Amino acid sequence: MLEATIGGKAVDDVSDVELPKDVAGLVLLAAERAEIVHGLLADGRRLVEQIERLVCALYDVPDELTDEVIAHAAARAGVSTPADGVTRG
């Protein structure tokens, strides 16, 4: 739990780690870390979508099929829609 709370930056001497002194502060810290992780995942999904679109454009894939490629990539990632929720075509 400590490693997850401090963002995976494990240290040998835990006495150097500063955590909130109360449960509310710890909950806030955990929520902030979760928001960062969700943001990074969303950024990664957007990058994957952009790359898929670029590859499809390079191979002159029709827009309708490109949207299917994007949907398939989102499904592989466990997401039901493209990263930004917008289907282009």
PDB file of N, CA and C in Angstrom:
ATOM      1  N   MET A   1       0.826  -1.187   0.000  1.00  0.00           N
ATOM      2  CA  MET A   1       0.000   0.000   0.000  1.00  0.00           C
ATOM      3  C   MET A   1       0.874   1.256   0.000  1.00  0.00           C
ATOM      4  N   LEU A   2       1.949   1.212   0.745  1.00  0.00           N
ATOM      5  CA  LEU A   2       2.840   2.366   0.793  1.00  0.00           C
ATOM      6  C   LEU A   2       3.411   2.664  -0.588  1.00  0.00           C
ATOM      7  N   GLU A   3       3.875   1.625  -1.275  1.00  0.00           N
ATOM      8  CA  GLU A   3       4.460   1.821  -2.599  1.00  0.00           C
ATOM      9  C   GLU A   3       3.425   2.394  -3.561  1.00  0.00           C
ATOM     10  N   ALA A   4       2.198   1.892  -3.520  1.00  0.00           N
ATOM     11  CA  ALA A   4       1.145   2.400  -4.392  1.00  0.00           C
ATOM     12  C   ALA A   4       0.823   3.852  -4.057  1.00  0.00           C
ATOM     13  N   THR A   5       0.816   4.189  -2.800  1.00  0.00           N
ATOM     14  CA  THR A   5       0.478   5.537  -2.366  1.00  0.00           C
ATOM     15  C   THR A   5       1.528   6.551  -2.781  1.00  0.00           C
ATOM     16  N   ILE A   6       2.786   6.166  -2.754  1.00  0.00           N
ATOM     17  CA  ILE A   6       3.844   7.114  -3.114  1.00  0.00           C
ATOM     18  C   ILE A   6       4.197   7.034  -4.595  1.00  0.00           C
ATOM     19  N   GLY A   7       3.355   6.389  -5.369  1.00  0.00           N
ATOM     20  CA  GLY A   7       3.541   6.399  -6.817  1.00  0.00           C
ATOM     21  C   GLY A   7       4.567   5.420  -7.323  1.00  0.00           C
ATOM     22  N   GLY A   8       4.790   4.320  -6.627  1.00  0.00           N
ATOM     23  CA  GLY A   8       5.714   3.304  -7.112  1.00  0.00           C
ATOM     24  C   GLY A   8       7.173   3.667  -6.942  1.00  0.00           C
ATOM     25  N   LYS A   9       7.454   4.706  -6.194  1.00  0.00           N
ATOM     26  CA  LYS A   9       8.836   5.116  -5.978  1.00  0.00           C
ATOM     27  C   LYS A   9       9.305   4.552  -4.645  1.00  0.00           C
ATOM     28  N   ALA A  10       9.547   3.270  -4.640  1.00  0.00           N
ATOM     29  CA  ALA A  10       9.954   2.602  -3.409  1.00  0.00           C
ATOM     30  C   ALA A  10      11.315   3.113  -2.956  1.00  0.00           C
ATOM     31  N   VAL A  11      11.450   3.187  -1.676  1.00  0.00           N
ATOM     32  CA  VAL A  11      12.717   3.629  -1.084  1.00  0.00           C
ATOM     33  C   VAL A  11      13.159   2.579  -0.079  1.00  0.00           C
ATOM     34  N   ASP A  12      14.447   2.541   0.193  1.00  0.00           N
ATOM     35  CA  ASP A  12      14.968   1.594   1.171  1.00  0.00           C
ATOM     36  C   ASP A  12      14.631   2.012   2.603  1.00  0.00           C
ATOM     37  N   ASP A  13      14.633   3.301   2.843  1.00  0.00           N
ATOM     38  CA  ASP A  13      14.373   3.817   4.184  1.00  0.00           C
ATOM     39  C   ASP A  13      13.040   4.552   4.183  1.00  0.00           C
ATOM     40  N   VAL A  14      11.998   3.910   4.674  1.00  0.00           N
ATOM     41  CA  VAL A  14      10.668   4.510   4.640  1.00  0.00           C
ATOM     42  C   VAL A  14      10.529   5.703   5.575  1.00  0.00           C
ATOM     43  N   SER A  15      11.495   5.929   6.442  1.00  0.00           N
ATOM     44  CA  SER A  15      11.408   7.082   7.339  1.00  0.00           C
ATOM     45  C   SER A  15      11.547   8.399   6.579  1.00  0.00           C
ATOM     46  N   ASP A  16      12.036   8.338   5.324  1.00  0.00           N
ATOM     47  CA  ASP A  16      12.156   9.541   4.503  1.00  0.00           C
ATOM     48  C   ASP A  16      10.864   9.868   3.749  1.00  0.00           C
ATOM     49  N   VAL A  17       9.892   8.963   3.775  1.00  0.00           N
ATOM     50  CA  VAL A  17       8.647   9.155   3.047  1.00  0.00           C
ATOM     51  C   VAL A  17       7.671   9.936   3.910  1.00  0.00           C
ATOM     52  N   GLU A  18       7.133  10.996   3.330  1.00  0.00           N
ATOM     53  CA  GLU A  18       6.156  11.795   4.061  1.00  0.00           C
ATOM     54  C   GLU A  18       4.775  11.505   3.523  1.00  0.00           C
ATOM     55  N   LEU A  19       3.914  11.024   4.392  1.00  0.00           N
ATOM     56  CA  LEU A  19       2.523  10.762   4.064  1.00  0.00           C
ATOM     57  C   LEU A  19       1.650  11.644   4.936  1.00  0.00           C
ATOM     58  N   PRO A  20       0.433  11.899   4.479  1.00  0.00           N
ATOM     59  CA  PRO A  20      -0.480  12.688   5.317  1.00  0.00           C
ATOM     60  C   PRO A  20      -0.667  12.024   6.681  1.00  0.00           C
ATOM     61  N   LYS A  21      -0.886  12.836   7.665  1.00  0.00           N
ATOM     62  CA  LYS A  21      -1.023  12.334   9.037  1.00  0.00           C
ATOM     63  C   LYS A  21      -2.453  11.898   9.363  1.00  0.00           C
ATOM     64  N   ASP A  22      -3.397  12.172   8.454  1.00  0.00           N
ATOM     65  CA  ASP A  22      -4.780  11.800   8.716  1.00  0.00           C
ATOM     66  C   ASP A  22      -5.367  11.035   7.533  1.00  0.00           C
ATOM     67  N   VAL A  23      -6.455  10.336   7.789  1.00  0.00           N
ATOM     68  CA  VAL A  23      -7.089   9.513   6.762  1.00  0.00           C
ATOM     69  C   VAL A  23      -7.592  10.380   5.615  1.00  0.00           C
ATOM     70  N   ALA A  24      -8.162  11.536   5.908  1.00  0.00           N
ATOM     71  CA  ALA A  24      -8.682  12.414   4.857  1.00  0.00           C
ATOM     72  C   ALA A  24      -7.557  12.865   3.924  1.00  0.00           C
ATOM     73  N   GLY A  25      -6.418  13.180   4.484  1.00  0.00           N
ATOM     74  CA  GLY A  25      -5.272  13.581   3.666  1.00  0.00           C
ATOM     75  C   GLY A  25      -4.765  12.445   2.804  1.00  0.00           C
ATOM     76  N   LEU A  26      -4.766  11.236   3.362  1.00  0.00           N
ATOM     77  CA  LEU A  26      -4.335  10.063   2.603  1.00  0.00           C
ATOM     78  C   LEU A  26      -5.308   9.769   1.461  1.00  0.00           C
ATOM     79  N   VAL A  27      -6.594   9.903   1.746  1.00  0.00           N
ATOM     80  CA  VAL A  27      -7.610   9.695   0.705  1.00  0.00           C
ATOM     81  C   VAL A  27      -7.432  10.722  -0.412  1.00  0.00           C
ATOM     82  N   LEU A  28      -7.170  11.976  -0.041  1.00  0.00           N
ATOM     83  CA  LEU A  28      -6.948  13.021  -1.044  1.00  0.00           C
ATOM     84  C   LEU A  28      -5.703  12.715  -1.877  1.00  0.00           C
ATOM     85  N   LEU A  29      -4.629  12.287  -1.241  1.00  0.00           N
ATOM     86  CA  LEU A  29      -3.405  11.937  -1.958  1.00  0.00           C
ATOM     87  C   LEU A  29      -3.657  10.791  -2.933  1.00  0.00           C
ATOM     88  N   ALA A  30      -4.379   9.775  -2.466  1.00  0.00           N
ATOM     89  CA  ALA A  30      -4.685   8.629  -3.334  1.00  0.00           C
ATOM     90  C   ALA A  30      -5.542   9.073  -4.517  1.00  0.00           C
ATOM     91  N   ALA A  31      -6.498   9.961  -4.290  1.00  0.00           N
ATOM     92  CA  ALA A  31      -7.351  10.461  -5.375  1.00  0.00           C
ATOM     93  C   ALA A  31      -6.533  11.266  -6.384  1.00  0.00           C
ATOM     94  N   GLU A  32      -5.601  12.062  -5.886  1.00  0.00           N
ATOM     95  CA  GLU A  32      -4.732  12.835  -6.782  1.00  0.00           C
ATOM     96  C   GLU A  32      -3.882  11.905  -7.640  1.00  0.00           C
ATOM     97  N   ARG A  33      -3.333  10.855  -7.032  1.00  0.00           N
ATOM     98  CA  ARG A  33      -2.525   9.886  -7.795  1.00  0.00           C
ATOM     99  C   ARG A  33      -3.381   9.169  -8.830  1.00  0.00           C
ATOM    100  N   ALA A  34      -4.596   8.808  -8.458  1.00  0.00           N
ATOM    101  CA  ALA A  34      -5.499   8.129  -9.392  1.00  0.00           C
ATOM    102  C   ALA A  34      -5.824   9.040 -10.571  1.00  0.00           C
ATOM    103  N   GLU A  35      -6.012  10.324 -10.310  1.00  0.00           N
ATOM    104  CA  GLU A  35      -6.291  11.275 -11.388  1.00  0.00           C
ATOM    105  C   GLU A  35      -5.100  11.369 -12.349  1.00  0.00           C
ATOM    106  N   ILE A  36      -3.901  11.375 -11.804  1.00  0.00           N
ATOM    107  CA  ILE A  36      -2.699  11.409 -12.642  1.00  0.00           C
ATOM    108  C   ILE A  36      -2.633  10.161 -13.519  1.00  0.00           C
ATOM    109  N   VAL A  37      -2.885   9.003 -12.918  1.00  0.00           N
ATOM    110  CA  VAL A  37      -2.836   7.739 -13.669  1.00  0.00           C
ATOM    111  C   VAL A  37      -3.891   7.737 -14.770  1.00  0.00           C
ATOM    112  N   HIS A  38      -5.106   8.155 -14.451  1.00  0.00           N
ATOM    113  CA  HIS A  38      -6.169   8.182 -15.458  1.00  0.00           C
ATOM    114  C   HIS A  38      -5.818   9.144 -16.598  1.00  0.00           C
ATOM    115  N   GLY A  39      -5.198  10.265 -16.256  1.00  0.00           N
ATOM    116  CA  GLY A  39      -4.770  11.211 -17.290  1.00  0.00           C
ATOM    117  C   GLY A  39      -3.708  10.616 -18.201  1.00  0.00           C
ATOM    118  N   LEU A  40      -2.749   9.910 -17.615  1.00  0.00           N
ATOM    119  CA  LEU A  40      -1.702   9.272 -18.414  1.00  0.00           C
ATOM    120  C   LEU A  40      -2.280   8.189 -19.325  1.00  0.00           C
ATOM    121  N   LEU A  41      -3.226   7.412 -18.799  1.00  0.00           N
ATOM    122  CA  LEU A  41      -3.872   6.389 -19.630  1.00  0.00           C
ATOM    123  C   LEU A  41      -4.636   7.024 -20.790  1.00  0.00           C
ATOM    124  N   ALA A  42      -5.348   8.108 -20.525  1.00  0.00           N
ATOM    125  CA  ALA A  42      -6.087   8.799 -21.586  1.00  0.00           C
ATOM    126  C   ALA A  42      -5.132   9.358 -22.633  1.00  0.00           C
ATOM    127  N   ASP A  43      -4.014   9.917 -22.188  1.00  0.00           N
ATOM    128  CA  ASP A  43      -3.006  10.422 -23.131  1.00  0.00           C
ATOM    129  C   ASP A  43      -2.470   9.288 -23.996  1.00  0.00           C
ATOM    130  N   GLY A  44      -2.196   8.152 -23.370  1.00  0.00           N
ATOM    131  CA  GLY A  44      -1.700   6.998 -24.114  1.00  0.00           C
ATOM    132  C   GLY A  44      -2.703   6.528 -25.146  1.00  0.00           C
ATOM    133  N   ARG A  45      -3.976   6.493 -24.774  1.00  0.00           N
ATOM    134  CA  ARG A  45      -5.015   6.078 -25.725  1.00  0.00           C
ATOM    135  C   ARG A  45      -5.114   7.051 -26.898  1.00  0.00           C
ATOM    136  N   ARG A  46      -5.007   8.351 -26.596  1.00  0.00           N
ATOM    137  CA  ARG A  46      -5.046   9.351 -27.683  1.00  0.00           C
ATOM    138  C   ARG A  46      -3.857   9.157 -28.629  1.00  0.00           C
ATOM    139  N   LEU A  47      -2.685   8.891 -28.065  1.00  0.00           N
ATOM    140  CA  LEU A  47      -1.504   8.672 -28.903  1.00  0.00           C
ATOM    141  C   LEU A  47      -1.665   7.434 -29.779  1.00  0.00           C
ATOM    142  N   VAL A  48      -2.191   6.367 -29.204  1.00  0.00           N
ATOM    143  CA  VAL A  48      -2.417   5.151 -29.995  1.00  0.00           C
ATOM    144  C   VAL A  48      -3.390   5.442 -31.124  1.00  0.00           C
ATOM    145  N   GLU A  49      -4.456   6.170 -30.832  1.00  0.00           N
ATOM    146  CA  GLU A  49      -5.428   6.499 -31.882  1.00  0.00           C
ATOM    147  C   GLU A  49      -4.768   7.332 -32.987  1.00  0.00           C
ATOM    148  N   GLN A  50      -3.979   8.314 -32.604  1.00  0.00           N
ATOM    149  CA  GLN A  50      -3.294   9.142 -33.602  1.00  0.00           C
ATOM    150  C   GLN A  50      -2.360   8.300 -34.462  1.00  0.00           C
ATOM    151  N   ILE A  51      -1.643   7.388 -33.848  1.00  0.00           N
ATOM    152  CA  ILE A  51      -0.728   6.522 -34.600  1.00  0.00           C
ATOM    153  C   ILE A  51      -1.502   5.622 -35.545  1.00  0.00           C
ATOM    154  N   GLU A  52      -2.598   5.028 -35.060  1.00  0.00           N
ATOM    155  CA  GLU A  52      -3.427   4.175 -35.926  1.00  0.00           C
ATOM    156  C   GLU A  52      -3.947   4.977 -37.120  1.00  0.00           C
ATOM    157  N   ARG A  53      -4.387   6.195 -36.875  1.00  0.00           N
ATOM    158  CA  ARG A  53      -4.900   7.035 -37.971  1.00  0.00           C
ATOM    159  C   ARG A  53      -3.786   7.377 -38.962  1.00  0.00           C
ATOM    160  N   LEU A  54      -2.590   7.649 -38.457  1.00  0.00           N
ATOM    161  CA  LEU A  54      -1.457   7.960 -39.322  1.00  0.00           C
ATOM    162  C   LEU A  54      -1.107   6.767 -40.195  1.00  0.00           C
ATOM    163  N   VAL A  55      -1.033   5.582 -39.602  1.00  0.00           N
ATOM    164  CA  VAL A  55      -0.719   4.376 -40.366  1.00  0.00           C
ATOM    165  C   VAL A  55      -1.793   4.134 -41.427  1.00  0.00           C
ATOM    166  N   CYS A  56      -3.056   4.287 -41.038  1.00  0.00           N
ATOM    167  CA  CYS A  56      -4.142   4.098 -42.007  1.00  0.00           C
ATOM    168  C   CYS A  56      -4.039   5.113 -43.149  1.00  0.00           C
ATOM    169  N   ALA A  57      -3.680   6.345 -42.824  1.00  0.00           N
ATOM    170  CA  ALA A  57      -3.527   7.365 -43.866  1.00  0.00           C
ATOM    171  C   ALA A  57      -2.359   7.028 -44.786  1.00  0.00           C
ATOM    172  N   LEU A  58      -1.266   6.533 -44.213  1.00  0.00           N
ATOM    173  CA  LEU A  58      -0.104   6.167 -45.022  1.00  0.00           C
ATOM    174  C   LEU A  58      -0.432   5.047 -46.004  1.00  0.00           C
ATOM    175  N   TYR A  59      -1.317   4.131 -45.576  1.00  0.00           N
ATOM    176  CA  TYR A  59      -1.705   3.020 -46.435  1.00  0.00           C
ATOM    177  C   TYR A  59      -2.990   3.305 -47.215  1.00  0.00           C
ATOM    178  N   ASP A  60      -3.451   4.561 -47.153  1.00  0.00           N
ATOM    179  CA  ASP A  60      -4.634   5.005 -47.893  1.00  0.00           C
ATOM    180  C   ASP A  60      -5.866   4.146 -47.579  1.00  0.00           C
ATOM    181  N   VAL A  61      -6.039   3.843 -46.305  1.00  0.00           N
ATOM    182  CA  VAL A  61      -7.195   3.070 -45.848  1.00  0.00           C
ATOM    183  C   VAL A  61      -8.408   4.006 -45.848  1.00  0.00           C
ATOM    184  N   PRO A  62      -9.540   3.574 -46.385  1.00  0.00           N
ATOM    185  CA  PRO A  62     -10.737   4.421 -46.399  1.00  0.00           C
ATOM    186  C   PRO A  62     -11.154   4.827 -44.979  1.00  0.00           C
ATOM    187  N   ASP A  63     -11.795   6.013 -44.866  1.00  0.00           N
ATOM    188  CA  ASP A  63     -12.182   6.538 -43.560  1.00  0.00           C
ATOM    189  C   ASP A  63     -13.052   5.560 -42.770  1.00  0.00           C
ATOM    190  N   GLU A  64     -13.992   4.907 -43.446  1.00  0.00           N
ATOM    191  CA  GLU A  64     -14.889   3.979 -42.754  1.00  0.00           C
ATOM    192  C   GLU A  64     -14.093   2.827 -42.135  1.00  0.00           C
ATOM    193  N   LEU A  65     -13.145   2.312 -42.873  1.00  0.00           N
ATOM    194  CA  LEU A  65     -12.319   1.221 -42.366  1.00  0.00           C
ATOM    195  C   LEU A  65     -11.366   1.719 -41.277  1.00  0.00           C
ATOM    196  N   THR A  66     -10.899   2.942 -41.422  1.00  0.00           N
ATOM    197  CA  THR A  66     -10.040   3.531 -40.397  1.00  0.00           C
ATOM    198  C   THR A  66     -10.779   3.575 -39.058  1.00  0.00           C
ATOM    199  N   ASP A  67     -12.056   3.978 -39.106  1.00  0.00           N
ATOM    200  CA  ASP A  67     -12.846   4.011 -37.877  1.00  0.00           C
ATOM    201  C   ASP A  67     -12.965   2.620 -37.260  1.00  0.00           C
ATOM    202  N   GLU A  68     -13.062   1.602 -38.088  1.00  0.00           N
ATOM    203  CA  GLU A  68     -13.116   0.224 -37.590  1.00  0.00           C
ATOM    204  C   GLU A  68     -11.783  -0.173 -36.962  1.00  0.00           C
ATOM    205  N   VAL A  69     -10.684   0.242 -37.559  1.00  0.00           N
ATOM    206  CA  VAL A  69      -9.351  -0.038 -37.003  1.00  0.00           C
ATOM    207  C   VAL A  69      -9.236   0.613 -35.630  1.00  0.00           C
ATOM    208  N   ILE A  70      -9.704   1.855 -35.519  1.00  0.00           N
ATOM    209  CA  ILE A  70      -9.655   2.577 -34.243  1.00  0.00           C
ATOM    210  C   ILE A  70     -10.522   1.870 -33.208  1.00  0.00           C
ATOM    211  N   ALA A  71     -11.715   1.462 -33.599  1.00  0.00           N
ATOM    212  CA  ALA A  71     -12.611   0.758 -32.678  1.00  0.00           C
ATOM    213  C   ALA A  71     -11.978  -0.552 -32.206  1.00  0.00           C
ATOM    214  N   HIS A  72     -11.305  -1.244 -33.118  1.00  0.00           N
ATOM    215  CA  HIS A  72     -10.639  -2.497 -32.759  1.00  0.00           C
ATOM    216  C   HIS A  72      -9.489  -2.232 -31.779  1.00  0.00           C
ATOM    217  N   ALA A  73      -8.732  -1.178 -32.033  1.00  0.00           N
ATOM    218  CA  ALA A  73      -7.625  -0.830 -31.134  1.00  0.00           C
ATOM    219  C   ALA A  73      -8.163  -0.473 -29.753  1.00  0.00           C
ATOM    220  N   ALA A  74      -9.281   0.257 -29.710  1.00  0.00           N
ATOM    221  CA  ALA A  74      -9.888   0.615 -28.427  1.00  0.00           C
ATOM    222  C   ALA A  74     -10.373  -0.636 -27.704  1.00  0.00           C
ATOM    223  N   ALA A  75     -10.954  -1.573 -28.447  1.00  0.00           N
ATOM    224  CA  ALA A  75     -11.433  -2.821 -27.837  1.00  0.00           C
ATOM    225  C   ALA A  75     -10.265  -3.631 -27.270  1.00  0.00           C
ATOM    226  N   ARG A  76      -9.145  -3.663 -27.984  1.00  0.00           N
ATOM    227  CA  ARG A  76      -7.961  -4.369 -27.488  1.00  0.00           C
ATOM    228  C   ARG A  76      -7.466  -3.759 -26.181  1.00  0.00           C
ATOM    229  N   ALA A  77      -7.639  -2.441 -26.072  1.00  0.00           N
ATOM    230  CA  ALA A  77      -7.173  -1.746 -24.870  1.00  0.00           C
ATOM    231  C   ALA A  77      -8.203  -1.790 -23.748  1.00  0.00           C
ATOM    232  N   GLY A  78      -9.360  -2.404 -24.013  1.00  0.00           N
ATOM    233  CA  GLY A  78     -10.391  -2.481 -22.990  1.00  0.00           C
ATOM    234  C   GLY A  78     -11.234  -1.230 -22.892  1.00  0.00           C
ATOM    235  N   VAL A  79     -11.282  -0.482 -23.971  1.00  0.00           N
ATOM    236  CA  VAL A  79     -12.057   0.756 -24.024  1.00  0.00           C
ATOM    237  C   VAL A  79     -13.110   0.598 -25.106  1.00  0.00           C
ATOM    238  N   SER A  80     -14.324   1.050 -24.831  1.00  0.00           N
ATOM    239  CA  SER A  80     -15.402   0.832 -25.778  1.00  0.00           C
ATOM    240  C   SER A  80     -15.445   1.858 -26.906  1.00  0.00           C
ATOM    241  N   THR A  81     -14.791   2.999 -26.729  1.00  0.00           N
ATOM    242  CA  THR A  81     -14.782   4.047 -27.749  1.00  0.00           C
ATOM    243  C   THR A  81     -13.372   4.577 -27.919  1.00  0.00           C
ATOM    244  N   PRO A  82     -13.108   5.323 -29.004  1.00  0.00           N
ATOM    245  CA  PRO A  82     -11.796   5.948 -29.138  1.00  0.00           C
ATOM    246  C   PRO A  82     -11.504   6.851 -27.953  1.00  0.00           C
ATOM    247  N   ALA A  83     -10.250   7.239 -27.788  1.00  0.00           N
ATOM    248  CA  ALA A  83      -9.788   7.968 -26.616  1.00  0.00           C
ATOM    249  C   ALA A  83     -10.596   9.215 -26.310  1.00  0.00           C
ATOM    250  N   ASP A  84     -10.928   9.987 -27.318  1.00  0.00           N
ATOM    251  CA  ASP A  84     -11.651  11.226 -27.053  1.00  0.00           C
ATOM    252  C   ASP A  84     -13.160  11.073 -27.257  1.00  0.00           C
ATOM    253  N   GLY A  85     -13.615   9.865 -27.562  1.00  0.00           N
ATOM    254  CA  GLY A  85     -15.032   9.616 -27.715  1.00  0.00           C
ATOM    255  C   GLY A  85     -15.611  10.101 -29.028  1.00  0.00           C
ATOM    256  N   VAL A  86     -14.767  10.580 -29.920  1.00  0.00           N
ATOM    257  CA  VAL A  86     -15.237  11.116 -31.197  1.00  0.00           C
ATOM    258  C   VAL A  86     -14.837  10.174 -32.314  1.00  0.00           C
ATOM    259  N   THR A  87     -15.805   9.812 -33.132  1.00  0.00           N
ATOM    260  CA  THR A  87     -15.515   8.991 -34.302  1.00  0.00           C
ATOM    261  C   THR A  87     -15.313   9.926 -35.484  1.00  0.00           C
ATOM    262  N   ARG A  88     -14.205   9.765 -36.148  1.00  0.00           N
ATOM    263  CA  ARG A  88     -13.926  10.629 -37.304  1.00  0.00           C
ATOM    264  C   ARG A  88     -14.179   9.823 -38.566  1.00  0.00           C
ATOM    265  N   GLY A  89     -14.508  10.540 -39.618  1.00  0.00           N
ATOM    266  CA  GLY A  89     -14.714   9.786 -40.851  1.00  0.00           C
ATOM    267  C   GLY A  89     -15.030  10.622 -42.016  1.00  0.00           C
TER     268      GLY A  89
END
